[in-house]
Amino acid sequence: MKSTHDEIAAPRASTRQPGKPLVPIDSSLLGDVQVKITARLGSGSLLVKDLLELRSGASLPLDTPLNGEIDILLNDAVIARGEVVAVGDQYGVRITSIAPTGT
């Protein structure tokens, strides 16, 4: 005799209504959703032995030149580029180029 664990469930009937129009995704629908962005200053590489020798006060060279553009990311995708600026007593980014919207 088969147990209930061995039975395969029958597929459920779809509750989707055929012909119902899709709602377009636009800024009025998603405009108030908060997302997290990241400003990536640059990257570099070093040998593991050099990594293990790092101490407080050490400097790591990055691939971004001084006054160079940095990447602005949304979910690891570059959506803009900009320049590092001071905003009060914090860092900020002045946008120099931005990806086009999908509209």
C-alpha atoms as a PDB file:
ATOM      1  CA  MET A   1       0.000   0.000   0.000  1.00  0.00           C
ATOM      2  CA  LYS A   2       1.313   3.466  -0.907  1.00  0.00           C
ATOM      3  CA  SER A   3       1.739   6.107   1.755  1.00  0.00           C
ATOM      4  CA  THR A   4       0.525   9.672   1.210  1.00  0.00           C
ATOM      5  CA  HIS A   5       4.178  10.736   0.822  1.00  0.00           C
ATOM      6  CA  ASP A   6       4.512   8.546  -2.267  1.00  0.00           C
ATOM      7  CA  GLU A   7       1.480  10.049  -4.021  1.00  0.00           C
ATOM      8  CA  ILE A   8       1.991  12.750  -6.594  1.00  0.00           C
ATOM      9  CA  ALA A   9      -0.183  15.791  -6.141  1.00  0.00           C
ATOM     10  CA  ALA A  10      -2.375  16.732  -9.065  1.00  0.00           C
ATOM     11  CA  PRO A  11      -1.525  20.065 -10.653  1.00  0.00           C
ATOM     12  CA  ARG A  12      -3.625  22.950  -9.391  1.00  0.00           C
ATOM     13  CA  ALA A  13      -5.914  24.790 -11.734  1.00  0.00           C
ATOM     14  CA  SER A  14      -4.687  28.251 -12.653  1.00  0.00           C
ATOM     15  CA  THR A  15      -6.487  31.116 -10.945  1.00  0.00           C
ATOM     16  CA  ARG A  16      -5.214  33.596 -13.553  1.00  0.00           C
ATOM     17  CA  GLN A  17      -7.955  35.264 -15.500  1.00  0.00           C
ATOM     18  CA  PRO A  18      -7.277  35.014 -19.225  1.00  0.00           C
ATOM     19  CA  GLY A  19      -7.174  38.292 -21.074  1.00  0.00           C
ATOM     20  CA  LYS A  20      -6.601  40.433 -17.971  1.00  0.00           C
ATOM     21  CA  PRO A  21      -4.228  43.255 -19.016  1.00  0.00           C
ATOM     22  CA  LEU A  22      -0.794  43.546 -17.460  1.00  0.00           C
ATOM     23  CA  VAL A  23      -0.105  46.618 -15.364  1.00  0.00           C
ATOM     24  CA  PRO A  24       2.797  48.610 -16.845  1.00  0.00           C
ATOM     25  CA  ILE A  25       5.716  49.061 -14.486  1.00  0.00           C
ATOM     26  CA  ASP A  26       6.557  52.740 -14.225  1.00  0.00           C
ATOM     27  CA  SER A  27       7.746  55.312 -11.713  1.00  0.00           C
ATOM     28  CA  SER A  28       4.237  55.911 -10.357  1.00  0.00           C
ATOM     29  CA  LEU A  29       4.066  52.251  -9.322  1.00  0.00           C
ATOM     30  CA  LEU A  30       7.611  51.848  -7.976  1.00  0.00           C
ATOM     31  CA  GLY A  31       8.636  55.438  -7.262  1.00  0.00           C
ATOM     32  CA  ASP A  32       8.383  55.114  -3.480  1.00  0.00           C
ATOM     33  CA  VAL A  33      10.326  51.843  -3.221  1.00  0.00           C
ATOM     34  CA  GLN A  34      13.644  52.436  -1.454  1.00  0.00           C
ATOM     35  CA  VAL A  35      16.736  50.773  -2.935  1.00  0.00           C
ATOM     36  CA  LYS A  36      20.343  50.648  -1.789  1.00  0.00           C
ATOM     37  CA  ILE A  37      23.062  52.031  -4.022  1.00  0.00           C
ATOM     38  CA  THR A  38      26.812  51.595  -3.726  1.00  0.00           C
ATOM     39  CA  ALA A  39      29.565  53.958  -4.835  1.00  0.00           C
ATOM     40  CA  ARG A  40      32.632  51.929  -5.812  1.00  0.00           C
ATOM     41  CA  LEU A  41      35.805  53.941  -5.424  1.00  0.00           C
ATOM     42  CA  GLY A  42      37.992  51.423  -7.218  1.00  0.00           C
ATOM     43  CA  SER A  43      39.672  48.073  -6.957  1.00  0.00           C
ATOM     44  CA  GLY A  44      43.140  46.622  -6.821  1.00  0.00           C
ATOM     45  CA  SER A  45      44.946  43.346  -6.387  1.00  0.00           C
ATOM     46  CA  LEU A  46      47.756  42.063  -4.253  1.00  0.00           C
ATOM     47  CA  LEU A  47      49.442  38.803  -3.417  1.00  0.00           C
ATOM     48  CA  VAL A  48      48.165  36.826  -0.441  1.00  0.00           C
ATOM     49  CA  LYS A  49      51.546  37.160   1.258  1.00  0.00           C
ATOM     50  CA  ASP A  50      51.237  40.963   0.953  1.00  0.00           C
ATOM     51  CA  LEU A  51      47.668  40.804   2.252  1.00  0.00           C
ATOM     52  CA  LEU A  52      48.847  38.885   5.312  1.00  0.00           C
ATOM     53  CA  GLU A  53      51.492  41.548   5.989  1.00  0.00           C
ATOM     54  CA  LEU A  54      49.024  44.475   5.998  1.00  0.00           C
ATOM     55  CA  ARG A  55      49.034  46.599   9.124  1.00  0.00           C
ATOM     56  CA  SER A  56      47.184  49.672  10.298  1.00  0.00           C
ATOM     57  CA  GLY A  57      48.345  52.700   8.323  1.00  0.00           C
ATOM     58  CA  ALA A  58      49.177  50.732   5.149  1.00  0.00           C
ATOM     59  CA  SER A  59      48.011  52.189   1.823  1.00  0.00           C
ATOM     60  CA  LEU A  60      46.373  50.133  -0.906  1.00  0.00           C
ATOM     61  CA  PRO A  61      46.600  51.496  -4.450  1.00  0.00           C
ATOM     62  CA  LEU A  62      43.364  51.451  -6.446  1.00  0.00           C
ATOM     63  CA  ASP A  63      42.796  51.531 -10.200  1.00  0.00           C
ATOM     64  CA  THR A  64      40.834  54.815 -10.111  1.00  0.00           C
ATOM     65  CA  PRO A  65      42.959  57.913 -10.705  1.00  0.00           C
ATOM     66  CA  LEU A  66      42.623  60.942  -8.430  1.00  0.00           C
ATOM     67  CA  ASN A  67      39.666  63.015  -9.651  1.00  0.00           C
ATOM     68  CA  GLY A  68      38.607  60.038 -11.802  1.00  0.00           C
ATOM     69  CA  GLU A  69      35.038  58.857 -12.197  1.00  0.00           C
ATOM     70  CA  ILE A  70      33.710  56.208  -9.837  1.00  0.00           C
ATOM     71  CA  ASP A  71      30.939  53.704 -10.474  1.00  0.00           C
ATOM     72  CA  ILE A  72      27.474  53.932  -8.887  1.00  0.00           C
ATOM     73  CA  LEU A  73      25.908  50.482  -8.573  1.00  0.00           C
ATOM     74  CA  LEU A  74      22.426  49.140  -7.986  1.00  0.00           C
ATOM     75  CA  ASN A  75      22.439  45.393  -7.230  1.00  0.00           C
ATOM     76  CA  ASP A  76      25.988  45.085  -8.634  1.00  0.00           C
ATOM     77  CA  ALA A  77      24.977  46.734 -11.946  1.00  0.00           C
ATOM     78  CA  VAL A  78      26.643  50.026 -12.878  1.00  0.00           C
ATOM     79  CA  ILE A  79      23.840  52.553 -13.351  1.00  0.00           C
ATOM     80  CA  ALA A  80      25.852  55.787 -13.251  1.00  0.00           C
ATOM     81  CA  ARG A  81      29.305  57.309 -12.922  1.00  0.00           C
ATOM     82  CA  GLY A  82      30.384  60.351 -10.991  1.00  0.00           C
ATOM     83  CA  GLU A  83      33.024  62.329  -9.143  1.00  0.00           C
ATOM     84  CA  VAL A  84      33.687  62.174  -5.406  1.00  0.00           C
ATOM     85  CA  VAL A  85      32.685  65.434  -3.684  1.00  0.00           C
ATOM     86  CA  ALA A  86      32.237  66.701  -0.141  1.00  0.00           C
ATOM     87  CA  VAL A  87      28.634  67.075   1.026  1.00  0.00           C
ATOM     88  CA  GLY A  88      28.922  68.823   4.358  1.00  0.00           C
ATOM     89  CA  ASP A  89      31.206  66.610   6.410  1.00  0.00           C
ATOM     90  CA  GLN A  90      30.458  63.458   4.380  1.00  0.00           C
ATOM     91  CA  TYR A  91      31.459  62.053   1.025  1.00  0.00           C
ATOM     92  CA  GLY A  92      29.055  62.354  -1.885  1.00  0.00           C
ATOM     93  CA  VAL A  93      29.050  61.743  -5.620  1.00  0.00           C
ATOM     94  CA  ARG A  94      28.311  64.288  -8.350  1.00  0.00           C
ATOM     95  CA  ILE A  95      26.705  62.331 -11.208  1.00  0.00           C
ATOM     96  CA  THR A  96      28.505  62.818 -14.527  1.00  0.00           C
ATOM     97  CA  SER A  97      26.716  60.154 -16.571  1.00  0.00           C
ATOM     98  CA  ILE A  98      23.694  57.973 -15.935  1.00  0.00           C
ATOM     99  CA  ALA A  99      22.099  55.003 -17.683  1.00  0.00           C
ATOM    100  CA  PRO A 100      18.961  55.756 -19.707  1.00  0.00           C
ATOM    101  CA  THR A 101      15.612  54.746 -18.235  1.00  0.00           C
ATOM    102  CA  GLY A 102      13.614  51.974 -19.832  1.00  0.00           C
ATOM    103  CA  THR A 103      10.817  54.281 -20.965  1.00  0.00           C
END
